[in-house]
Amino acid sequence: MNFRHIEASPMTPTIGAMISGVDLNNTRSEDVYEEIKQALWQYGVVFFRKQALKPEAYIRLGQNFGEMEQHEFFPHIEGHPQIQLISHQGTEAPETDRWHTDVTFRKKPNMVSILRITDLPPSGGDTMWMHAGAAFEALNPGMQQMLEGLQADHDLPWHFRRANIHERLAQRASAKSGMVVTANAQECKMIESTPTVSHPAVITHPYNGRKILFVNSIWTKRLLGMHMDLSDAVLNMLYEWVKKPEFMVRFRWEKDSVAMWDNCATQHYAVFDYAPHYRAGQRMTCGSFVPTLKQGAASPGAQPAALRQLIDTTRLQAASPQERQAVDAIFSALEGVDLNAVASAAQRR
């Protein structure tokens, strides 16, 4: 895809691009934001260097991807609840040093995450992303067909029990309230507020129609409709499969670097090789999506996002919000259609 307002340099053939030619602190053009959005859907994760983002500019960027949200786990910077504070120090590994997609235990996971690292260790602390669309496309057709017929349970308390996180939450709650909060009480409250949800094991990307492998090693509990042992075996195989370097990009942080990733299409892994040093950042999560497998989704290798090149973004900027929403809905619908199959059917008539 050719861009008029930004430069996007691919970092691997599969995933990731470095975006330049834009100052996010001084950007207000909808054309610029629209091109950043299209680059994100195309590359899965995009990066910026030397962006000392002010909170207002940071929030302005995130608002282009939908409603901003507060996270279940993280505090936020004062006066800006949309910007979460994340940090780690010490020798105990964080829960993020595993491949995962964020918050798939929700009925509607967040669509986009944006991270700016503010404090770097002397070395290390990289983050890696893999493209779950590429991982699905590289599976053999028989495996693809099997997975497309399956649903998977995603469960927040299940992972918390495995990682003993509920014990730590209970300790924090006890310290904050001055009362003894037991792990069981904390877990029951969590289960009540966050019940298990089921999603298709393969979903259709809502903006480019690509099929995405949608299971991850933190939140996916089991595949439905098969024996528990077989479910564990298939999931463990998939968790190993997504670790192939061909699906990945690794990003080395610098001061004022920003990463933005498509939480629907990718998984990520925060490399914990900087103990006992301190690492911290500011993160936002934006928008949401309903994980769905649509019939007639794009076949492997297709690039339906190219349809959006037909949009005259200058004219679209002058349109009303309702008109822009209608145009986006039309192109989103087109991107879920296998145009090759339509053309073949037309030729047979």
Protein backbone atom coordinates (compact mmCIF):
# COMPACT_ATOMS: atom_id res chain seq x y z
CA MET A 1 0.00 0.00 0.00
CA ASN A 2 1.27 3.47 -0.91
CA PHE A 3 0.90 6.21 1.68
CA ARG A 4 0.85 9.95 1.03
CA HIS A 5 1.28 11.29 4.57
CA ILE A 6 3.53 8.75 6.30
CA GLU A 7 6.42 6.46 5.42
CA ALA A 8 6.12 2.80 6.40
CA SER A 9 9.23 0.62 6.11
CA PRO A 10 8.56 -3.13 6.57
CA MET A 11 10.74 -4.76 9.24
CA THR A 12 10.15 -8.37 8.11
CA PRO A 13 8.25 -9.91 5.18
CA THR A 14 5.58 -11.12 7.63
CA ILE A 15 5.00 -8.54 10.35
CA GLY A 16 6.00 -5.09 11.54
CA ALA A 17 6.80 -1.71 9.99
CA MET A 18 8.66 1.38 11.14
CA ILE A 19 6.65 4.56 10.55
CA SER A 20 8.44 7.85 9.98
CA GLY A 21 7.63 11.28 8.62
CA VAL A 22 5.13 12.12 11.34
CA ASP A 23 5.28 14.04 14.64
CA LEU A 24 2.57 12.52 16.83
CA ASN A 25 2.60 15.47 19.24
CA ASN A 26 1.57 17.84 16.45
CA THR A 27 -0.69 15.60 14.39
CA ARG A 28 -4.36 16.42 14.07
CA SER A 29 -5.01 15.43 10.47
CA GLU A 30 -7.54 12.65 10.01
CA ASP A 31 -5.69 11.66 6.83
CA VAL A 32 -2.52 10.96 8.82
CA TYR A 33 -4.38 8.95 11.45
CA GLU A 34 -6.23 7.01 8.74
CA GLU A 35 -2.95 6.03 7.09
CA ILE A 36 -1.48 4.94 10.42
CA LYS A 37 -4.60 2.82 10.91
CA GLN A 38 -4.28 1.20 7.48
CA ALA A 39 -0.58 0.53 8.07
CA LEU A 40 -1.48 -1.19 11.33
CA TRP A 41 -4.05 -3.49 9.69
CA GLN A 42 -1.50 -4.32 6.99
CA TYR A 43 1.59 -4.95 9.15
CA GLY A 44 0.09 -6.09 12.47
CA VAL A 45 2.40 -3.89 14.56
CA VAL A 46 3.93 -0.50 13.75
CA PHE A 47 6.72 1.41 15.50
CA PHE A 48 7.73 5.04 15.92
CA ARG A 49 11.03 6.48 17.13
CA LYS A 50 11.70 9.76 18.96
CA GLN A 51 8.11 10.48 19.97
CA ALA A 52 8.15 12.21 23.39
CA LEU A 53 4.38 12.03 23.56
CA LYS A 54 2.44 14.41 25.79
CA PRO A 55 -0.63 12.84 27.42
CA GLU A 56 -3.07 14.86 25.29
CA ALA A 57 -1.38 13.81 22.04
CA TYR A 58 -1.14 10.22 23.24
CA ILE A 59 -4.87 10.11 23.97
CA ARG A 60 -5.66 11.84 20.67
CA LEU A 61 -3.80 9.09 18.84
CA GLY A 62 -5.62 6.33 20.70
CA GLN A 63 -9.07 7.84 20.19
CA ASN A 64 -8.78 7.12 16.47
CA PHE A 65 -9.10 3.42 17.24
CA GLY A 66 -12.22 3.58 19.38
CA GLU A 67 -13.21 4.08 22.96
CA MET A 68 -10.36 4.21 25.47
CA GLU A 69 -10.58 1.83 28.39
CA GLN A 70 -9.23 1.18 31.84
CA HIS A 71 -7.60 -2.19 32.50
CA GLU A 72 -8.40 -4.68 35.24
CA PHE A 73 -4.83 -4.86 36.52
CA PHE A 74 -2.92 -1.60 36.04
CA PRO A 75 -2.90 1.87 37.68
CA HIS A 76 -2.93 5.00 35.51
CA ILE A 77 -1.17 8.33 35.34
CA GLU A 78 -2.74 11.12 37.39
CA GLY A 79 -5.49 12.97 35.56
CA HIS A 80 -5.48 10.59 32.59
CA PRO A 81 -7.18 7.28 33.44
CA GLN A 82 -6.85 6.15 29.80
CA ILE A 83 -3.05 5.86 30.13
CA GLN A 84 -2.07 2.80 32.14
CA LEU A 85 1.21 2.53 34.02
CA ILE A 86 3.10 -0.73 33.66
CA SER A 87 6.39 -1.55 35.34
CA HIS A 88 8.54 -4.38 36.58
CA GLN A 89 11.60 -4.75 38.76
CA GLY A 90 13.29 -7.60 40.57
CA THR A 91 14.04 -11.21 39.79
CA GLU A 92 10.53 -12.68 39.73
CA ALA A 93 9.35 -13.12 36.14
CA PRO A 94 6.26 -11.10 35.11
CA GLU A 95 3.18 -12.81 33.72
CA THR A 96 3.85 -11.29 30.28
CA ASP A 97 6.91 -13.40 29.40
CA ARG A 98 4.69 -15.82 27.46
CA TRP A 99 3.10 -15.51 24.04
CA HIS A 100 -0.39 -14.08 24.41
CA THR A 101 -3.13 -11.86 23.05
CA ASP A 102 -4.44 -9.36 25.58
CA VAL A 103 -7.73 -9.91 27.45
CA THR A 104 -9.22 -12.64 25.26
CA PHE A 105 -11.14 -13.65 28.41
CA ARG A 106 -13.52 -10.79 27.53
CA LYS A 107 -16.49 -11.16 25.20
CA LYS A 108 -15.06 -8.16 23.32
CA PRO A 109 -11.25 -7.99 23.64
CA ASN A 110 -9.54 -4.67 22.95
CA MET A 111 -8.63 -4.02 19.32
CA VAL A 112 -5.47 -1.93 19.58
CA SER A 113 -2.76 -1.45 22.22
CA ILE A 114 -0.21 1.36 22.23
CA LEU A 115 2.91 1.29 24.40
CA ARG A 116 5.54 3.92 25.10
CA ILE A 117 8.46 2.77 27.24
CA THR A 118 9.55 5.50 29.66
CA ASP A 119 12.24 3.71 31.69
CA LEU A 120 14.71 1.31 30.13
CA PRO A 121 17.04 -1.19 31.81
CA PRO A 122 20.76 -0.91 30.93
CA SER A 123 20.21 -3.64 28.32
CA GLY A 124 17.49 -6.07 27.29
CA GLY A 125 13.77 -5.61 27.77
CA ASP A 126 12.84 -6.10 24.09
CA THR A 127 9.30 -6.99 23.03
CA MET A 128 8.41 -9.53 20.33
CA TRP A 129 5.27 -9.86 18.23
CA MET A 130 4.06 -12.68 16.01
CA HIS A 131 1.36 -12.59 13.34
CA ALA A 132 -1.38 -15.11 14.11
CA GLY A 133 -2.71 -14.78 10.56
CA ALA A 134 0.62 -15.93 9.13
CA ALA A 135 0.72 -18.76 11.68
CA PHE A 136 -2.71 -19.98 10.58
CA GLU A 137 -1.89 -19.72 6.88
CA ALA A 138 1.25 -21.84 7.35
CA LEU A 139 -0.74 -24.76 8.80
CA ASN A 140 -1.69 -27.61 6.47
CA PRO A 141 -5.24 -27.47 5.04
CA GLY A 142 -6.47 -30.38 7.16
CA MET A 143 -5.43 -28.68 10.38
CA GLN A 144 -6.93 -25.40 9.21
CA GLN A 145 -10.25 -27.09 8.48
CA MET A 146 -10.33 -28.80 11.87
CA LEU A 147 -9.57 -25.60 13.77
CA GLU A 148 -12.17 -23.61 11.83
CA GLY A 149 -14.82 -25.92 13.26
CA LEU A 150 -13.78 -25.46 16.90
CA GLN A 151 -14.60 -23.11 19.74
CA ALA A 152 -12.24 -22.41 22.64
CA ASP A 153 -12.84 -21.34 26.24
CA HIS A 154 -10.87 -18.34 27.50
CA ASP A 155 -10.71 -17.95 31.25
CA LEU A 156 -9.16 -15.26 33.47
CA PRO A 157 -9.34 -17.07 36.87
CA TRP A 158 -7.99 -20.30 35.36
CA HIS A 159 -4.69 -18.62 34.45
CA PHE A 160 -4.60 -16.76 37.78
CA ARG A 161 -4.84 -20.07 39.62
CA ARG A 162 -2.05 -21.58 37.50
CA ALA A 163 0.26 -18.61 38.11
CA ASN A 164 -0.84 -18.12 41.76
CA ILE A 165 -1.67 -14.52 40.90
CA HIS A 166 -4.83 -14.52 43.02
CA GLU A 167 -2.64 -14.96 46.12
CA ARG A 168 -0.74 -11.79 45.23
CA LEU A 169 -3.98 -9.91 44.55
CA ALA A 170 -5.32 -11.00 47.92
CA GLN A 171 -2.16 -9.71 49.63
CA ARG A 172 -2.50 -6.34 47.87
CA ALA A 173 -6.20 -6.09 48.77
CA SER A 174 -5.44 -6.92 52.41
CA ALA A 175 -2.70 -4.29 52.57
CA LYS A 176 -4.95 -1.64 50.98
CA SER A 177 -8.06 -2.31 53.09
CA GLY A 178 -6.38 -3.18 56.38
CA MET A 179 -8.54 -6.30 56.49
CA VAL A 180 -7.65 -9.90 55.78
CA VAL A 181 -8.76 -10.82 52.26
CA THR A 182 -8.38 -14.51 51.51
CA ALA A 183 -7.29 -15.88 48.17
CA ASN A 184 -10.54 -17.84 47.85
CA ALA A 185 -12.65 -14.71 48.39
CA GLN A 186 -10.58 -12.84 45.84
CA GLU A 187 -10.91 -15.69 43.36
CA CYS A 188 -14.67 -16.01 43.85
CA LYS A 189 -15.13 -12.30 43.26
CA MET A 190 -13.04 -12.54 40.09
CA ILE A 191 -14.98 -15.57 38.79
CA GLU A 192 -18.28 -13.81 39.43
CA SER A 193 -17.22 -10.67 37.58
CA THR A 194 -15.32 -12.42 34.76
CA PRO A 195 -17.02 -15.66 33.68
CA THR A 196 -15.49 -17.98 31.09
CA VAL A 197 -16.16 -16.92 27.47
CA SER A 198 -15.97 -18.96 24.28
CA HIS A 199 -14.48 -17.71 21.01
CA PRO A 200 -13.86 -19.44 17.67
CA ALA A 201 -10.40 -20.99 17.48
CA VAL A 202 -10.03 -19.23 14.13
CA ILE A 203 -11.54 -15.80 13.57
CA THR A 204 -11.90 -13.31 10.73
CA HIS A 205 -10.09 -10.01 11.11
CA PRO A 206 -12.79 -7.30 11.25
CA TYR A 207 -10.90 -4.87 8.98
CA ASN A 208 -9.01 -6.92 6.41
CA GLY A 209 -10.86 -10.25 6.33
CA ARG A 210 -7.76 -12.35 7.04
CA LYS A 211 -8.20 -15.57 9.01
CA ILE A 212 -6.48 -15.45 12.41
CA LEU A 213 -5.49 -18.27 14.76
CA PHE A 214 -7.17 -17.17 17.99
CA VAL A 215 -5.81 -19.25 20.86
CA ASN A 216 -3.03 -18.20 23.22
CA SER A 217 -1.04 -19.78 26.02
CA ILE A 218 -2.21 -17.49 28.83
CA TRP A 219 -5.97 -17.17 28.49
CA THR A 220 -7.13 -20.17 26.39
CA LYS A 221 -8.29 -22.95 28.70
CA ARG A 222 -9.49 -25.68 26.33
CA LEU A 223 -10.92 -26.53 22.94
CA LEU A 224 -14.58 -27.48 23.13
CA GLY A 225 -16.04 -30.67 21.72
CA MET A 226 -12.99 -32.87 22.24
CA HIS A 227 -11.45 -34.90 25.06
CA MET A 228 -9.48 -32.82 27.56
CA ASP A 229 -6.23 -34.69 26.83
CA LEU A 230 -6.61 -34.14 23.09
CA SER A 231 -7.47 -30.49 23.66
CA ASP A 232 -4.30 -30.04 25.72
CA ALA A 233 -2.22 -31.77 23.05
CA VAL A 234 -3.60 -29.66 20.18
CA LEU A 235 -3.25 -26.41 22.11
CA ASN A 236 0.31 -27.21 23.18
CA MET A 237 1.17 -28.00 19.57
CA LEU A 238 -0.24 -24.63 18.47
CA TYR A 239 1.60 -22.79 21.24
CA GLU A 240 4.84 -24.27 19.94
CA TRP A 241 3.88 -23.57 16.33
CA VAL A 242 3.44 -19.83 16.86
CA LYS A 243 7.02 -19.61 18.16
CA LYS A 244 8.47 -20.03 14.66
CA PRO A 245 10.77 -17.05 13.96
CA GLU A 246 9.24 -16.70 10.48
CA PHE A 247 6.08 -15.29 12.09
CA MET A 248 7.91 -12.77 14.33
CA VAL A 249 9.45 -9.36 14.68
CA ARG A 250 11.61 -8.28 17.66
CA PHE A 251 11.72 -4.63 18.68
CA ARG A 252 14.56 -3.04 20.62
CA TRP A 253 13.25 -0.12 22.61
CA GLU A 254 14.89 3.29 22.69
CA LYS A 255 13.91 6.35 24.68
CA ASP A 256 10.61 7.78 23.36
CA SER A 257 9.89 4.81 21.11
CA VAL A 258 6.23 3.90 20.58
CA ALA A 259 4.77 0.57 19.49
CA MET A 260 1.18 0.09 18.35
CA TRP A 261 -0.19 -3.39 17.76
CA ASP A 262 -3.29 -5.01 16.36
CA ASN A 263 -4.43 -7.10 19.30
CA CYS A 264 -6.76 -9.13 17.09
CA ALA A 265 -4.09 -10.27 14.61
CA THR A 266 -1.00 -10.64 16.80
CA GLN A 267 0.41 -12.15 19.95
CA HIS A 268 3.28 -10.58 21.88
CA TYR A 269 5.97 -11.55 24.36
CA ALA A 270 7.79 -9.21 26.77
CA VAL A 271 11.34 -10.55 27.01
CA PHE A 272 12.41 -10.76 30.67
CA ASP A 273 16.20 -10.65 30.43
CA TYR A 274 16.84 -7.45 32.41
CA ALA A 275 16.54 -8.64 36.03
CA PRO A 276 16.87 -7.11 38.55
CA HIS A 277 16.62 -3.75 36.76
CA TYR A 278 13.59 -1.48 36.39
CA ARG A 279 11.51 -1.23 33.22
CA ALA A 280 8.37 0.90 32.90
CA GLY A 281 6.04 2.35 30.32
CA GLN A 282 2.70 3.95 29.52
CA ARG A 283 0.10 1.89 27.71
CA MET A 284 -3.32 2.54 26.22
CA THR A 285 -5.91 0.06 24.97
CA CYS A 286 -8.39 1.24 22.37
CA GLY A 287 -11.53 -0.03 20.72
CA SER A 288 -12.83 -3.60 20.82
CA PHE A 289 -14.00 -6.40 18.56
CA VAL A 290 -16.21 -9.47 18.72
CA PRO A 291 -14.15 -12.56 17.75
CA THR A 292 -16.09 -14.09 14.86
CA LEU A 293 -15.36 -16.46 12.00
CA LYS A 294 -17.24 -15.21 8.95
CA GLN A 295 -18.17 -17.40 6.02
CA GLY A 296 -16.41 -16.41 2.82
CA ALA A 297 -13.45 -14.88 4.68
CA ALA A 298 -10.30 -14.08 2.75
CA SER A 299 -8.29 -17.10 1.68
CA PRO A 300 -4.61 -17.48 2.70
CA GLY A 301 -2.38 -15.02 0.94
CA ALA A 302 -5.21 -12.66 -0.02
CA GLN A 303 -4.81 -8.95 0.74
CA PRO A 304 -8.34 -7.49 0.78
CA ALA A 305 -7.10 -4.43 2.70
CA ALA A 306 -5.91 -3.13 -0.67
CA LEU A 307 -9.55 -2.29 -1.41
CA ARG A 308 -9.23 0.69 0.89
CA GLN A 309 -6.75 2.27 -1.47
CA LEU A 310 -9.82 3.22 -3.51
CA ILE A 311 -10.93 5.63 -0.78
CA ASP A 312 -10.30 9.31 -1.43
CA THR A 313 -9.25 10.24 2.11
CA THR A 314 -9.33 13.98 1.33
CA ARG A 315 -12.99 13.82 0.35
CA LEU A 316 -13.75 11.47 3.22
CA GLN A 317 -12.33 13.96 5.72
CA ALA A 318 -14.94 16.51 4.63
CA ALA A 319 -17.78 14.03 5.09
CA SER A 320 -19.97 13.81 8.17
CA PRO A 321 -19.18 11.24 10.88
CA GLN A 322 -22.23 9.22 9.77
CA GLU A 323 -20.98 9.15 6.16
CA ARG A 324 -17.48 8.10 7.24
CA GLN A 325 -18.97 5.33 9.36
CA ALA A 326 -21.06 4.12 6.41
CA VAL A 327 -18.04 4.04 4.10
CA ASP A 328 -16.03 2.11 6.69
CA ALA A 329 -18.87 -0.39 7.11
CA ILE A 330 -19.11 -0.93 3.33
CA PHE A 331 -15.40 -1.59 2.93
CA SER A 332 -15.31 -3.79 6.03
CA ALA A 333 -18.08 -5.88 4.47
CA LEU A 334 -16.24 -6.09 1.14
CA GLU A 335 -13.07 -7.19 2.91
CA GLY A 336 -14.92 -10.21 4.28
CA VAL A 337 -15.79 -11.42 0.78
CA ASP A 338 -13.67 -13.87 -1.20
CA LEU A 339 -13.58 -11.83 -4.42
CA ASN A 340 -11.77 -14.59 -6.31
CA ALA A 341 -14.62 -16.98 -5.59
CA VAL A 342 -17.17 -14.38 -6.70
CA ALA A 343 -15.26 -13.85 -9.96
CA SER A 344 -15.02 -17.58 -10.59
CA ALA A 345 -18.73 -18.05 -10.00
CA ALA A 346 -19.53 -15.21 -12.41
CA GLN A 347 -17.40 -16.81 -15.13
CA ARG A 348 -19.27 -20.11 -14.79
CA ARG A 349 -22.61 -18.47 -15.52
